[in-house]
Amino acid sequence: MTFLDEQLTGQWRSAPFDVGAMETSELVFLADGRGWSRFEGISTELSISRFRWHCPAPGRLELRCTWQVSGQWALHSNGLAAVDHSGPDDRLIRTGYRIGPEKPPFSDAPVTTLTVDEEIEFALSFARGKRTVTSADDPSSTLVPYAPAARPGPPAR
């Protein structure tokens, strides 16, 4: 049985756990089973990988990568200033996960944290970000537009 764990839906950021690192990662899970990962470095490197996601079992996560865009991020913007590569991606990421309170380094309070068993975009821990995110928030969405979400079919009889 596969399903989408609603607890995952939204944005997850590695920044609170990246103390001293010169890069940061982000995961976004949309409610329709699409999503993307984002990796950016201080050298202006930016990489976006789109994926389809589902949970084949409780505590198990699968990301089927579909598209990858890399280049340099734009100063004062959420998007890309230059694109070095844009094309299909067929990686499959399988990992265990758990969601719960964790205290980031140098923090006094715990935050809701997604912890994965296998690194995704070079990170294992991601703090809850925005709960409401759409495909328009993907920095690569203007470069490679998303197909419209599937329309619901007719009601079952």
Protein backbone atom coordinates (compact mmCIF):
# COMPACT_ATOMS: atom_id res chain seq x y z
CA MET A 1 0.00 0.00 0.00
CA THR A 2 1.32 3.45 -0.89
CA PHE A 3 0.12 6.74 0.46
CA LEU A 4 1.08 10.38 0.96
CA ASP A 5 1.84 11.24 4.58
CA GLU A 6 0.12 14.61 5.12
CA GLN A 7 2.64 15.43 7.87
CA LEU A 8 5.30 15.79 5.15
CA THR A 9 3.34 18.30 3.06
CA GLY A 10 4.99 21.73 2.94
CA GLN A 11 8.51 23.08 3.14
CA TRP A 12 11.42 21.61 5.14
CA ARG A 13 14.72 23.53 5.53
CA SER A 14 18.12 22.25 6.67
CA ALA A 15 19.33 25.77 7.61
CA PRO A 16 18.77 25.49 11.40
CA PHE A 17 20.98 22.39 11.42
CA ASP A 18 23.62 23.76 9.01
CA VAL A 19 25.60 25.79 11.55
CA GLY A 20 28.98 26.64 10.00
CA ALA A 21 28.10 25.09 6.62
CA MET A 22 28.48 27.04 3.42
CA GLU A 23 25.45 25.44 1.80
CA THR A 24 21.86 24.70 2.66
CA SER A 25 19.13 22.37 1.45
CA GLU A 26 15.37 22.39 1.25
CA LEU A 27 12.66 19.83 0.54
CA VAL A 28 9.13 20.66 -0.56
CA PHE A 29 6.32 18.11 -0.64
CA LEU A 30 3.13 19.16 -2.43
CA ALA A 31 -0.17 17.55 -1.46
CA ASP A 32 -0.62 16.10 -4.97
CA GLY A 33 2.51 13.92 -4.77
CA ARG A 34 4.87 16.30 -6.57
CA GLY A 35 7.75 18.18 -4.97
CA TRP A 36 11.30 19.39 -5.31
CA SER A 37 14.60 19.58 -3.51
CA ARG A 38 16.82 22.64 -3.52
CA PHE A 39 20.54 22.81 -2.82
CA GLU A 40 22.39 26.12 -2.74
CA GLY A 41 25.89 27.13 -1.81
CA ILE A 42 27.55 30.40 -0.89
CA SER A 43 29.41 30.25 -4.22
CA THR A 44 26.00 30.94 -5.89
CA GLU A 45 25.50 27.29 -6.87
CA LEU A 46 21.81 26.38 -7.11
CA SER A 47 20.35 23.00 -7.99
CA ILE A 48 16.67 22.09 -8.13
CA SER A 49 15.50 18.47 -8.50
CA ARG A 50 11.83 17.82 -9.06
CA PHE A 51 10.32 14.56 -7.89
CA ARG A 52 7.17 12.54 -7.38
CA TRP A 53 6.88 11.27 -3.81
CA HIS A 54 4.96 8.69 -1.85
CA CYS A 55 5.26 6.58 1.27
CA PRO A 56 5.23 2.84 0.44
CA ALA A 57 4.94 2.03 4.17
CA PRO A 58 4.76 3.99 7.43
CA GLY A 59 8.10 5.69 8.04
CA ARG A 60 9.34 4.97 4.48
CA LEU A 61 9.72 7.64 1.79
CA GLU A 62 10.38 7.31 -1.93
CA LEU A 63 11.33 10.19 -4.20
CA ARG A 64 11.33 9.48 -7.96
CA CYS A 65 13.30 12.34 -9.50
CA THR A 66 11.93 13.61 -12.82
CA TRP A 67 13.79 16.83 -13.73
CA GLN A 68 16.98 18.59 -12.63
CA VAL A 69 18.04 22.20 -13.15
CA SER A 70 21.37 23.60 -12.01
CA GLY A 71 23.13 26.94 -12.31
CA GLN A 72 23.68 30.06 -10.23
CA TRP A 73 21.12 31.68 -7.97
CA ALA A 74 20.10 35.26 -8.56
CA LEU A 75 21.04 37.81 -5.94
CA HIS A 76 17.91 39.38 -4.34
CA SER A 77 15.63 36.74 -5.87
CA ASN A 78 14.47 33.19 -5.28
CA GLY A 79 15.27 32.10 -8.84
CA LEU A 80 18.11 31.30 -11.17
CA ALA A 81 20.41 33.96 -12.68
CA ALA A 82 22.06 31.47 -15.06
CA VAL A 83 21.34 27.86 -16.05
CA ASP A 84 24.17 25.39 -16.65
CA HIS A 85 22.01 22.28 -17.04
CA SER A 86 18.32 21.47 -17.38
CA GLY A 87 17.06 18.01 -18.22
CA PRO A 88 15.48 14.73 -17.20
CA ASP A 89 16.51 13.02 -13.99
CA ASP A 90 15.64 9.43 -13.17
CA ARG A 91 17.14 8.87 -9.72
CA LEU A 92 15.17 6.98 -7.10
CA ILE A 93 15.74 7.88 -3.45
CA ARG A 94 14.44 5.46 -0.82
CA THR A 95 14.84 6.28 2.85
CA GLY A 96 13.30 5.91 6.24
CA TYR A 97 12.02 9.06 7.93
CA ARG A 98 10.57 10.32 11.16
CA ILE A 99 9.02 13.61 12.22
CA GLY A 100 9.35 14.95 15.74
CA PRO A 101 10.84 17.66 17.92
CA GLU A 102 14.62 18.18 17.70
CA LYS A 103 16.77 20.96 19.07
CA PRO A 104 19.05 22.52 16.40
CA PRO A 105 22.61 23.44 17.45
CA PHE A 106 22.79 26.69 19.43
CA SER A 107 19.02 26.78 19.86
CA ASP A 108 17.13 26.81 23.13
CA ALA A 109 13.90 25.40 21.74
CA PRO A 110 13.10 22.28 19.76
CA VAL A 111 11.54 22.59 16.30
CA THR A 112 9.44 20.15 14.30
CA THR A 113 12.05 18.17 12.38
CA LEU A 114 12.04 15.75 9.46
CA THR A 115 14.94 13.32 9.91
CA VAL A 116 15.85 10.97 7.05
CA ASP A 117 18.08 7.89 7.17
CA GLU A 118 19.81 8.59 3.84
CA GLU A 119 21.05 12.07 2.92
CA ILE A 120 18.88 14.09 0.59
CA GLU A 121 20.70 17.08 -0.90
CA PHE A 122 23.56 16.43 1.57
CA ALA A 123 21.37 16.78 4.67
CA LEU A 124 19.75 14.43 7.19
CA SER A 125 17.70 16.92 9.28
CA PHE A 126 15.20 19.49 8.05
CA ALA A 127 13.18 21.95 10.14
CA ARG A 128 9.54 22.66 9.31
CA GLY A 129 9.16 25.73 7.08
CA LYS A 130 6.01 27.01 5.44
CA ARG A 131 3.07 24.61 5.51
CA THR A 132 1.41 26.08 2.41
CA VAL A 133 3.53 25.87 -0.72
CA THR A 134 2.56 25.67 -4.42
CA SER A 135 4.41 24.69 -7.58
CA ALA A 136 4.79 28.43 -8.32
CA ASP A 137 7.21 28.60 -5.34
CA ASP A 138 9.66 26.31 -7.16
CA PRO A 139 12.56 28.55 -8.31
CA SER A 140 12.69 26.63 -11.61
CA SER A 141 8.96 26.94 -12.37
CA THR A 142 9.42 29.89 -14.76
CA LEU A 143 12.14 28.01 -16.65
CA VAL A 144 10.26 24.70 -16.89
CA PRO A 145 6.56 25.25 -16.13
CA TYR A 146 4.64 22.57 -14.27
CA ALA A 147 1.89 20.71 -16.07
CA PRO A 148 -1.51 21.49 -14.58
CA ALA A 149 -2.49 19.25 -11.69
CA ALA A 150 -4.70 16.34 -12.67
CA ARG A 151 -8.39 17.07 -12.47
CA PRO A 152 -10.44 14.75 -10.32
CA GLY A 153 -12.33 12.11 -12.29
CA PRO A 154 -16.06 11.57 -12.24
CA PRO A 155 -17.52 10.35 -8.95
CA ALA A 156 -17.52 6.60 -8.42
CA ARG A 157 -20.85 4.90 -8.98
